């Protein structure tokens, strides 16, 4: 599982991009259920890249397995190490 600070960052960015209250975004929340469509996913990936100075590609096959906030945070941690 990803460190809490990565989950918190992803939660904050999802809330900002989807224009929802961050308190409603939980680690087990499904990204689609929070309102992330294909355009917002790209916005989220760019926001993560900017915040953490890493590269994430929308063509990364690992993204196909990402369904929740925790899944995305774990993928980010893998890319950071």
Foldseek 3Di string as FASTA:
>chain_A
DADPVLLLVLLVLLCVLLVHDSVVADQADFSVVSPDDPVSVVVSQVVCCVVPVFHDDPPPPLVVVDTGSNSVSVVVVVRVD
